[in-house]
Amino acid sequence: MENTVTEEEATTFNPDLGPCCGAANFRVHLEGTTCNAWNKSAMNVFVNHFLMVHPEYPSQEDPIRDMVRMKSRATLDSMIRRYRKAKIPRTDAESKELRLQKNRQERKRKASSVKLIPSPSR
């Protein structure tokens, strides 16, 4: 699997100037996330093209558009994960540091989601 979008293309992309690609030259940014501007634009291109090719789905209905967008985002997320796993393997030290960093983030996330119960006043 090859990333066909360069970092420069992804960082200089301006969604106000139009879509990042078209259906005929569809490309996603595998080094990015599903939420970066390039990939959001690519998902919109995919959704519009999918609904055009499949007239059995009413394209003007938001729930249909949302469903196609959600499914395409899940697929893109899987592609990004597979791409990252296939990249050059990390050293043991890099893997350990990444694992420690993820664990720290998870502990912070869990701690911030726990509601603090006030202690009873005496």
C-alpha atoms as a PDB file:
ATOM      1  CA  MET A   1       0.000   0.000   0.000  1.00  0.00           C
ATOM      2  CA  GLU A   2       1.443   3.358  -0.992  1.00  0.00           C
ATOM      3  CA  ASN A   3       0.585   6.857   0.204  1.00  0.00           C
ATOM      4  CA  THR A   4      -0.081   8.829  -2.966  1.00  0.00           C
ATOM      5  CA  VAL A   5      -0.542  12.200  -1.257  1.00  0.00           C
ATOM      6  CA  THR A   6       2.605  14.052  -0.275  1.00  0.00           C
ATOM      7  CA  GLU A   7       2.894  15.882   3.037  1.00  0.00           C
ATOM      8  CA  GLU A   8       3.225  19.139   1.110  1.00  0.00           C
ATOM      9  CA  GLU A   9      -0.015  18.496  -0.793  1.00  0.00           C
ATOM     10  CA  ALA A  10      -1.828  17.625   2.432  1.00  0.00           C
ATOM     11  CA  THR A  11      -0.563  20.610   4.408  1.00  0.00           C
ATOM     12  CA  THR A  12      -1.101  23.161   1.640  1.00  0.00           C
ATOM     13  CA  PHE A  13      -4.553  21.864   0.689  1.00  0.00           C
ATOM     14  CA  ASN A  14      -7.246  24.519   1.111  1.00  0.00           C
ATOM     15  CA  PRO A  15     -10.797  23.110   1.152  1.00  0.00           C
ATOM     16  CA  ASP A  16     -12.168  26.575   0.318  1.00  0.00           C
ATOM     17  CA  LEU A  17     -10.636  26.256  -3.160  1.00  0.00           C
ATOM     18  CA  GLY A  18     -12.485  23.030  -3.998  1.00  0.00           C
ATOM     19  CA  PRO A  19     -12.145  19.300  -3.412  1.00  0.00           C
ATOM     20  CA  CYS A  20      -8.756  17.659  -2.977  1.00  0.00           C
ATOM     21  CA  CYS A  21      -9.367  15.230  -5.828  1.00  0.00           C
ATOM     22  CA  GLY A  22     -12.087  13.883  -8.062  1.00  0.00           C
ATOM     23  CA  ALA A  23     -13.656  10.482  -8.512  1.00  0.00           C
ATOM     24  CA  ALA A  24     -11.380   9.815 -11.508  1.00  0.00           C
ATOM     25  CA  ASN A  25      -8.195  10.701  -9.580  1.00  0.00           C
ATOM     26  CA  PHE A  26      -9.302   9.719  -6.065  1.00  0.00           C
ATOM     27  CA  ARG A  27      -6.522   9.798  -3.463  1.00  0.00           C
ATOM     28  CA  VAL A  28      -6.446   9.651   0.326  1.00  0.00           C
ATOM     29  CA  HIS A  29      -3.723  10.804   2.699  1.00  0.00           C
ATOM     30  CA  LEU A  30      -2.587   7.655   4.496  1.00  0.00           C
ATOM     31  CA  GLU A  31      -0.040   9.535   6.621  1.00  0.00           C
ATOM     32  CA  GLY A  32      -2.865  11.670   8.005  1.00  0.00           C
ATOM     33  CA  THR A  33      -6.005  10.979   9.981  1.00  0.00           C
ATOM     34  CA  THR A  34      -9.618  10.598   8.937  1.00  0.00           C
ATOM     35  CA  CYS A  35     -10.240  14.094  10.305  1.00  0.00           C
ATOM     36  CA  ASN A  36      -7.585  16.045   8.414  1.00  0.00           C
ATOM     37  CA  ALA A  37      -8.768  18.446   5.701  1.00  0.00           C
ATOM     38  CA  TRP A  38      -7.546  16.313   2.785  1.00  0.00           C
ATOM     39  CA  ASN A  39      -9.251  13.131   3.959  1.00  0.00           C
ATOM     40  CA  LYS A  40     -12.485  14.941   4.875  1.00  0.00           C
ATOM     41  CA  SER A  41     -12.577  16.337   1.355  1.00  0.00           C
ATOM     42  CA  ALA A  42     -11.798  12.922  -0.146  1.00  0.00           C
ATOM     43  CA  MET A  43     -14.646  11.382   1.864  1.00  0.00           C
ATOM     44  CA  ASN A  44     -17.031  14.026   0.519  1.00  0.00           C
ATOM     45  CA  VAL A  45     -15.885  13.221  -3.034  1.00  0.00           C
ATOM     46  CA  PHE A  46     -16.493   9.535  -2.355  1.00  0.00           C
ATOM     47  CA  VAL A  47     -19.943  10.110  -0.819  1.00  0.00           C
ATOM     48  CA  ASN A  48     -21.068  12.328  -3.724  1.00  0.00           C
ATOM     49  CA  HIS A  49     -19.788   9.880  -6.334  1.00  0.00           C
ATOM     50  CA  PHE A  50     -21.255   6.850  -4.542  1.00  0.00           C
ATOM     51  CA  LEU A  51     -24.691   8.478  -4.353  1.00  0.00           C
ATOM     52  CA  MET A  52     -24.479   9.509  -8.008  1.00  0.00           C
ATOM     53  CA  VAL A  53     -23.616   5.955  -9.088  1.00  0.00           C
ATOM     54  CA  HIS A  54     -26.270   4.418  -6.825  1.00  0.00           C
ATOM     55  CA  PRO A  55     -29.519   6.266  -7.567  1.00  0.00           C
ATOM     56  CA  GLU A  56     -31.453   3.747  -5.451  1.00  0.00           C
ATOM     57  CA  TYR A  57     -30.231   5.729  -2.426  1.00  0.00           C
ATOM     58  CA  PRO A  58     -31.914   9.144  -2.149  1.00  0.00           C
ATOM     59  CA  SER A  59     -28.903  11.463  -2.113  1.00  0.00           C
ATOM     60  CA  GLN A  60     -30.807  14.443  -0.731  1.00  0.00           C
ATOM     61  CA  GLU A  61     -31.594  12.662   2.549  1.00  0.00           C
ATOM     62  CA  ASP A  62     -29.124  13.434   5.330  1.00  0.00           C
ATOM     63  CA  PRO A  63     -29.380  10.024   7.072  1.00  0.00           C
ATOM     64  CA  ILE A  64     -28.312   8.294   3.823  1.00  0.00           C
ATOM     65  CA  ARG A  65     -25.400  10.703   3.299  1.00  0.00           C
ATOM     66  CA  ASP A  66     -24.369  10.280   6.952  1.00  0.00           C
ATOM     67  CA  MET A  67     -24.469   6.484   6.687  1.00  0.00           C
ATOM     68  CA  VAL A  68     -22.288   6.444   3.551  1.00  0.00           C
ATOM     69  CA  ARG A  69     -19.895   8.955   5.149  1.00  0.00           C
ATOM     70  CA  MET A  70     -19.665   6.889   8.358  1.00  0.00           C
ATOM     71  CA  LYS A  71     -18.950   3.666   6.422  1.00  0.00           C
ATOM     72  CA  SER A  72     -16.337   5.350   4.228  1.00  0.00           C
ATOM     73  CA  ARG A  73     -14.667   6.880   7.282  1.00  0.00           C
ATOM     74  CA  ALA A  74     -14.430   3.451   8.944  1.00  0.00           C
ATOM     75  CA  THR A  75     -12.881   2.009   5.785  1.00  0.00           C
ATOM     76  CA  LEU A  76     -10.397   4.884   5.542  1.00  0.00           C
ATOM     77  CA  ASP A  77      -9.481   4.441   9.205  1.00  0.00           C
ATOM     78  CA  SER A  78      -8.734   0.754   8.544  1.00  0.00           C
ATOM     79  CA  MET A  79      -6.624   1.655   5.508  1.00  0.00           C
ATOM     80  CA  ILE A  80      -4.608   4.145   7.562  1.00  0.00           C
ATOM     81  CA  ARG A  81      -3.986   1.552  10.303  1.00  0.00           C
ATOM     82  CA  ARG A  82      -2.893  -1.099   7.766  1.00  0.00           C
ATOM     83  CA  TYR A  83      -0.614   1.430   6.070  1.00  0.00           C
ATOM     84  CA  ARG A  84       1.036   2.362   9.358  1.00  0.00           C
ATOM     85  CA  LYS A  85       1.554  -1.292  10.331  1.00  0.00           C
ATOM     86  CA  ALA A  86       3.181  -1.985   6.958  1.00  0.00           C
ATOM     87  CA  LYS A  87       5.642   0.889   7.316  1.00  0.00           C
ATOM     88  CA  ILE A  88       9.209   0.300   8.411  1.00  0.00           C
ATOM     89  CA  PRO A  89       9.113  -1.431  11.788  1.00  0.00           C
ATOM     90  CA  ARG A  90      10.034   0.608  14.827  1.00  0.00           C
ATOM     91  CA  THR A  91      12.947  -0.195  17.092  1.00  0.00           C
ATOM     92  CA  ASP A  92      12.150  -1.740  20.471  1.00  0.00           C
ATOM     93  CA  ALA A  93      12.828   1.590  22.184  1.00  0.00           C
ATOM     94  CA  GLU A  94      10.467   3.443  19.796  1.00  0.00           C
ATOM     95  CA  SER A  95       7.757   0.821  20.291  1.00  0.00           C
ATOM     96  CA  LYS A  96       8.124   1.002  24.079  1.00  0.00           C
ATOM     97  CA  GLU A  97       7.965   4.814  24.069  1.00  0.00           C
ATOM     98  CA  LEU A  98       4.879   4.780  21.836  1.00  0.00           C
ATOM     99  CA  ARG A  99       3.200   2.205  24.078  1.00  0.00           C
ATOM    100  CA  LEU A 100       3.999   4.273  27.204  1.00  0.00           C
ATOM    101  CA  GLN A 101       2.650   7.407  25.525  1.00  0.00           C
ATOM    102  CA  LYS A 102      -0.593   5.641  24.534  1.00  0.00           C
ATOM    103  CA  ASN A 103      -0.979   4.264  28.063  1.00  0.00           C
ATOM    104  CA  ARG A 104      -0.518   7.770  29.524  1.00  0.00           C
ATOM    105  CA  GLN A 105      -3.140   9.172  27.148  1.00  0.00           C
ATOM    106  CA  GLU A 106      -5.559   6.369  28.051  1.00  0.00           C
ATOM    107  CA  ARG A 107      -5.091   6.957  31.795  1.00  0.00           C
ATOM    108  CA  LYS A 108      -5.691  10.692  31.310  1.00  0.00           C
ATOM    109  CA  ARG A 109      -8.783   9.994  29.220  1.00  0.00           C
ATOM    110  CA  LYS A 110     -10.184   7.628  31.830  1.00  0.00           C
ATOM    111  CA  ALA A 111      -9.371  10.007  34.688  1.00  0.00           C
ATOM    112  CA  SER A 112     -11.065  12.931  32.967  1.00  0.00           C
ATOM    113  CA  SER A 113     -14.190  10.892  32.238  1.00  0.00           C
ATOM    114  CA  VAL A 114     -14.697   9.840  35.873  1.00  0.00           C
ATOM    115  CA  LYS A 115     -17.004  12.213  37.713  1.00  0.00           C
ATOM    116  CA  LEU A 116     -15.620  13.305  41.008  1.00  0.00           C
ATOM    117  CA  ILE A 117     -17.935  12.572  43.899  1.00  0.00           C
ATOM    118  CA  PRO A 118     -17.764  15.302  46.521  1.00  0.00           C
ATOM    119  CA  SER A 119     -16.890  14.072  49.967  1.00  0.00           C
ATOM    120  CA  PRO A 120     -19.625  14.495  52.558  1.00  0.00           C
ATOM    121  CA  SER A 121     -19.130  17.602  54.661  1.00  0.00           C
ATOM    122  CA  ARG A 122     -18.728  17.119  58.376  1.00  0.00           C
END
